[in-house]
């Protein structure tokens, strides 16, 4: 049974930006999130944990990108999350 047309993205640019937000933006959020944990825990344990939880988090962020109404909104959310998680790196704390 095909999907209803009203739920499909009509613009190819919107679809492209949702796909890139899911893959690239979700990956950046996932990496910065696990890097933030390396400031609180032993980095070798974070790397081992990230090997498993990283794929799960990345998959969830990829799916959330397609649930967003507009692609620019999800890009903005992912950029802000990456910035927040990267603050210790940027501020050299």
N, C-alpha and C. Protein backbone atom coordinates (compact mmCIF):
# COMPACT_ATOMS: atom_id res chain seq x y z
N UNK A 1 0.85 -1.17 0.00
CA UNK A 1 0.00 0.00 0.00
C UNK A 1 0.90 1.24 0.00
N UNK A 2 0.76 2.11 -0.98
CA UNK A 2 1.62 3.30 -1.05
C UNK A 2 1.28 4.33 0.02
N UNK A 3 2.24 5.18 0.29
CA UNK A 3 2.05 6.23 1.30
C UNK A 3 1.11 7.31 0.77
N UNK A 4 0.45 7.99 1.68
CA UNK A 4 -0.42 9.08 1.28
C UNK A 4 0.44 10.26 0.83
N UNK A 5 -0.01 10.91 -0.22
CA UNK A 5 0.77 12.00 -0.81
C UNK A 5 0.94 13.18 0.14
N UNK A 6 -0.01 13.41 1.03
CA UNK A 6 0.08 14.58 1.91
C UNK A 6 1.20 14.43 2.94
N UNK A 7 1.67 13.20 3.18
CA UNK A 7 2.74 12.99 4.15
C UNK A 7 4.13 13.00 3.51
N UNK A 8 4.19 13.00 2.21
CA UNK A 8 5.47 12.96 1.52
C UNK A 8 6.02 14.37 1.31
N UNK A 9 7.33 14.48 1.32
CA UNK A 9 7.98 15.76 1.06
C UNK A 9 7.90 16.06 -0.42
N UNK A 10 7.42 17.25 -0.75
CA UNK A 10 7.21 17.59 -2.15
C UNK A 10 8.47 18.14 -2.82
N UNK A 11 9.30 18.81 -2.08
CA UNK A 11 10.48 19.44 -2.64
C UNK A 11 11.68 18.50 -2.58
N UNK A 12 12.41 18.35 -3.69
CA UNK A 12 13.61 17.51 -3.63
C UNK A 12 14.71 18.13 -2.77
N UNK A 13 14.74 19.46 -2.67
CA UNK A 13 15.73 20.12 -1.82
C UNK A 13 15.44 19.85 -0.34
N UNK A 14 14.17 19.89 0.02
CA UNK A 14 13.77 19.60 1.40
C UNK A 14 14.16 18.17 1.77
N UNK A 15 13.92 17.25 0.87
CA UNK A 15 14.27 15.84 1.10
C UNK A 15 15.78 15.68 1.24
N UNK A 16 16.54 16.36 0.37
CA UNK A 16 18.00 16.30 0.42
C UNK A 16 18.53 16.84 1.75
N UNK A 17 17.99 17.97 2.20
CA UNK A 17 18.46 18.56 3.44
C UNK A 17 18.05 17.73 4.67
N UNK A 18 16.92 17.03 4.61
CA UNK A 18 16.55 16.14 5.70
C UNK A 18 17.49 14.93 5.75
N UNK A 19 17.83 14.40 4.59
CA UNK A 19 18.76 13.27 4.55
C UNK A 19 20.13 13.67 5.07
N UNK A 20 20.63 14.82 4.62
CA UNK A 20 21.94 15.27 5.10
C UNK A 20 21.91 15.65 6.58
N UNK A 21 20.78 16.19 7.05
CA UNK A 21 20.67 16.50 8.47
C UNK A 21 20.71 15.22 9.28
N UNK A 22 20.05 14.20 8.80
CA UNK A 22 20.04 12.93 9.52
C UNK A 22 21.41 12.27 9.55
N UNK A 23 22.08 12.22 8.41
CA UNK A 23 23.38 11.56 8.35
C UNK A 23 24.48 12.41 8.98
N UNK A 24 24.68 13.60 8.45
CA UNK A 24 25.81 14.43 8.87
C UNK A 24 25.54 15.10 10.21
N UNK A 25 24.39 15.75 10.34
CA UNK A 25 24.06 16.42 11.59
C UNK A 25 23.92 15.45 12.75
N UNK A 26 23.28 14.32 12.51
CA UNK A 26 23.16 13.31 13.55
C UNK A 26 24.50 12.74 13.97
N UNK A 27 25.40 12.58 13.01
CA UNK A 27 26.74 12.09 13.32
C UNK A 27 27.51 13.09 14.17
N UNK A 28 27.42 14.38 13.83
CA UNK A 28 28.11 15.40 14.62
C UNK A 28 27.56 15.48 16.04
N UNK A 29 26.25 15.36 16.19
CA UNK A 29 25.66 15.39 17.52
C UNK A 29 26.13 14.18 18.32
N UNK A 30 26.15 13.02 17.69
CA UNK A 30 26.56 11.80 18.36
C UNK A 30 28.02 11.87 18.80
N UNK A 31 28.89 12.35 17.95
CA UNK A 31 30.32 12.45 18.28
C UNK A 31 30.54 13.47 19.39
N UNK A 32 29.92 14.63 19.28
CA UNK A 32 30.12 15.65 20.31
C UNK A 32 29.52 15.22 21.65
N UNK A 33 28.43 14.48 21.62
CA UNK A 33 27.82 13.98 22.85
C UNK A 33 28.75 13.01 23.57
N UNK A 34 29.35 12.09 22.84
CA UNK A 34 30.26 11.14 23.46
C UNK A 34 31.58 11.81 23.85
N UNK A 35 31.98 12.80 23.11
CA UNK A 35 33.20 13.52 23.49
C UNK A 35 32.98 14.31 24.78
N UNK A 36 31.78 14.80 24.99
CA UNK A 36 31.46 15.49 26.23
C UNK A 36 31.58 14.55 27.42
N UNK A 37 31.16 13.30 27.24
CA UNK A 37 31.28 12.33 28.32
C UNK A 37 32.73 12.00 28.66
N UNK A 38 33.62 12.19 27.72
CA UNK A 38 35.03 11.89 28.00
C UNK A 38 35.63 12.90 28.98
N UNK A 39 34.96 14.02 29.22
CA UNK A 39 35.41 14.96 30.24
C UNK A 39 35.01 14.52 31.65
N UNK A 40 33.98 13.70 31.74
CA UNK A 40 33.48 13.26 33.03
C UNK A 40 33.93 11.85 33.40
N UNK A 41 34.16 11.02 32.40
CA UNK A 41 34.54 9.63 32.64
C UNK A 41 35.88 9.35 31.96
N UNK A 42 36.43 8.20 32.25
CA UNK A 42 37.69 7.78 31.63
C UNK A 42 37.48 7.63 30.11
N UNK A 43 38.31 8.29 29.28
CA UNK A 43 38.08 8.25 27.83
C UNK A 43 38.07 6.85 27.21
N UNK A 44 38.85 5.92 27.76
CA UNK A 44 38.85 4.58 27.17
C UNK A 44 37.50 3.88 27.37
N UNK A 45 36.81 4.18 28.47
CA UNK A 45 35.50 3.59 28.69
C UNK A 45 34.44 4.26 27.81
N UNK A 46 34.63 5.53 27.55
CA UNK A 46 33.68 6.24 26.68
C UNK A 46 33.80 5.72 25.26
N UNK A 47 35.00 5.43 24.81
CA UNK A 47 35.19 4.91 23.46
C UNK A 47 34.55 3.53 23.32
N UNK A 48 34.71 2.70 24.33
CA UNK A 48 34.09 1.37 24.29
C UNK A 48 32.57 1.48 24.30
N UNK A 49 32.04 2.36 25.13
CA UNK A 49 30.60 2.56 25.19
C UNK A 49 30.07 3.18 23.91
N UNK A 50 30.82 4.11 23.34
CA UNK A 50 30.38 4.78 22.11
C UNK A 50 30.33 3.82 20.94
N UNK A 51 31.11 2.76 20.99
CA UNK A 51 31.06 1.77 19.91
C UNK A 51 29.68 1.13 19.81
N UNK A 52 28.99 1.04 20.93
CA UNK A 52 27.66 0.44 20.93
C UNK A 52 26.55 1.49 20.91
N UNK A 53 26.64 2.45 21.80
CA UNK A 53 25.56 3.44 21.90
C UNK A 53 25.59 4.47 20.77
N UNK A 54 26.74 4.63 20.14
CA UNK A 54 26.85 5.61 19.07
C UNK A 54 25.95 5.29 17.89
N UNK A 55 25.90 4.03 17.50
CA UNK A 55 25.05 3.64 16.38
C UNK A 55 23.57 3.79 16.72
N UNK A 56 23.23 3.48 17.95
CA UNK A 56 21.82 3.61 18.36
C UNK A 56 21.41 5.08 18.36
N UNK A 57 22.25 5.92 18.96
CA UNK A 57 21.95 7.36 19.00
C UNK A 57 21.89 7.95 17.60
N UNK A 58 22.82 7.55 16.75
CA UNK A 58 22.86 8.06 15.38
C UNK A 58 21.60 7.64 14.62
N UNK A 59 21.16 6.41 14.81
CA UNK A 59 19.95 5.94 14.13
C UNK A 59 18.71 6.69 14.60
N UNK A 60 18.63 6.97 15.90
CA UNK A 60 17.50 7.72 16.44
C UNK A 60 17.51 9.15 15.88
N UNK A 61 18.69 9.77 15.84
CA UNK A 61 18.78 11.13 15.30
C UNK A 61 18.46 11.16 13.81
N UNK A 62 18.82 10.10 13.09
CA UNK A 62 18.48 10.01 11.67
C UNK A 62 16.97 9.94 11.48
N UNK A 63 16.29 9.16 12.30
CA UNK A 63 14.84 9.06 12.20
C UNK A 63 14.16 10.36 12.61
N UNK A 64 14.69 11.03 13.62
CA UNK A 64 14.10 12.30 14.06
C UNK A 64 14.20 13.38 12.98
N UNK A 65 15.21 13.30 12.15
CA UNK A 65 15.34 14.28 11.07
C UNK A 65 14.17 14.17 10.09
N UNK A 66 13.68 12.98 9.88
CA UNK A 66 12.56 12.81 8.95
C UNK A 66 11.22 13.14 9.58
N UNK A 67 11.17 13.18 10.90
CA UNK A 67 9.92 13.54 11.58
C UNK A 67 9.74 15.05 11.68
N UNK A 68 10.80 15.79 11.45
CA UNK A 68 10.73 17.25 11.54
C UNK A 68 9.89 17.80 10.39
N UNK A 69 9.21 18.89 10.68
CA UNK A 69 8.36 19.50 9.67
C UNK A 69 9.18 20.18 8.58
N UNK A 70 10.21 20.88 8.97
CA UNK A 70 11.08 21.59 8.04
C UNK A 70 12.52 21.18 8.27
N UNK A 71 13.28 21.10 7.19
CA UNK A 71 14.67 20.66 7.27
C UNK A 71 15.54 21.69 7.98
N UNK A 72 15.28 22.96 7.79
CA UNK A 72 16.13 23.97 8.42
C UNK A 72 15.98 23.94 9.93
N UNK A 73 14.80 23.54 10.42
CA UNK A 73 14.61 23.46 11.87
C UNK A 73 15.46 22.35 12.48
N UNK A 74 15.49 21.20 11.82
CA UNK A 74 16.28 20.10 12.36
C UNK A 74 17.77 20.38 12.24
N UNK A 75 18.17 21.08 11.16
CA UNK A 75 19.58 21.48 11.06
C UNK A 75 19.93 22.45 12.18
N UNK A 76 19.03 23.36 12.50
CA UNK A 76 19.28 24.31 13.58
C UNK A 76 19.38 23.60 14.93
N UNK A 77 18.50 22.67 15.19
CA UNK A 77 18.53 21.91 16.44
C UNK A 77 19.82 21.10 16.55
N UNK A 78 20.19 20.42 15.47
CA UNK A 78 21.43 19.62 15.50
C UNK A 78 22.66 20.50 15.63
N UNK A 79 22.66 21.66 15.01
CA UNK A 79 23.80 22.56 15.14
C UNK A 79 23.92 23.10 16.56
N UNK A 80 22.78 23.44 17.17
CA UNK A 80 22.80 23.93 18.56
C UNK A 80 23.23 22.84 19.53
N UNK A 81 22.75 21.62 19.33
CA UNK A 81 23.16 20.52 20.20
C UNK A 81 24.65 20.23 20.06
N UNK A 82 25.15 20.27 18.85
CA UNK A 82 26.58 20.06 18.64
C UNK A 82 27.38 21.16 19.30
N UNK A 83 26.93 22.37 19.20
CA UNK A 83 27.63 23.49 19.83
C UNK A 83 27.60 23.37 21.35
N UNK A 84 26.47 23.01 21.92
CA UNK A 84 26.36 22.86 23.37
C UNK A 84 27.26 21.73 23.87
N UNK A 85 27.24 20.59 23.17
CA UNK A 85 28.06 19.47 23.59
C UNK A 85 29.55 19.74 23.37
N UNK A 86 29.88 20.65 22.46
CA UNK A 86 31.28 20.95 22.17
C UNK A 86 31.83 22.12 22.96
N UNK A 87 31.03 22.72 23.81
CA UNK A 87 31.50 23.87 24.58
C UNK A 87 32.75 23.60 25.41
N UNK A 88 32.88 22.46 26.09
CA UNK A 88 34.13 22.22 26.81
C UNK A 88 35.36 22.19 25.90
N UNK A 89 35.19 21.71 24.69
CA UNK A 89 36.31 21.68 23.74
C UNK A 89 36.64 23.10 23.29
N UNK A 90 35.59 23.85 22.98
CA UNK A 90 35.81 25.20 22.47
C UNK A 90 36.36 26.15 23.54
N UNK A 91 35.94 25.93 24.78
CA UNK A 91 36.39 26.79 25.87
C UNK A 91 37.63 26.23 26.58
N UNK A 92 38.09 25.05 26.15
CA UNK A 92 39.28 24.40 26.71
C UNK A 92 39.16 24.19 28.22
N UNK A 93 38.02 23.66 28.64
CA UNK A 93 37.81 23.41 30.07
C UNK A 93 38.43 22.10 30.49
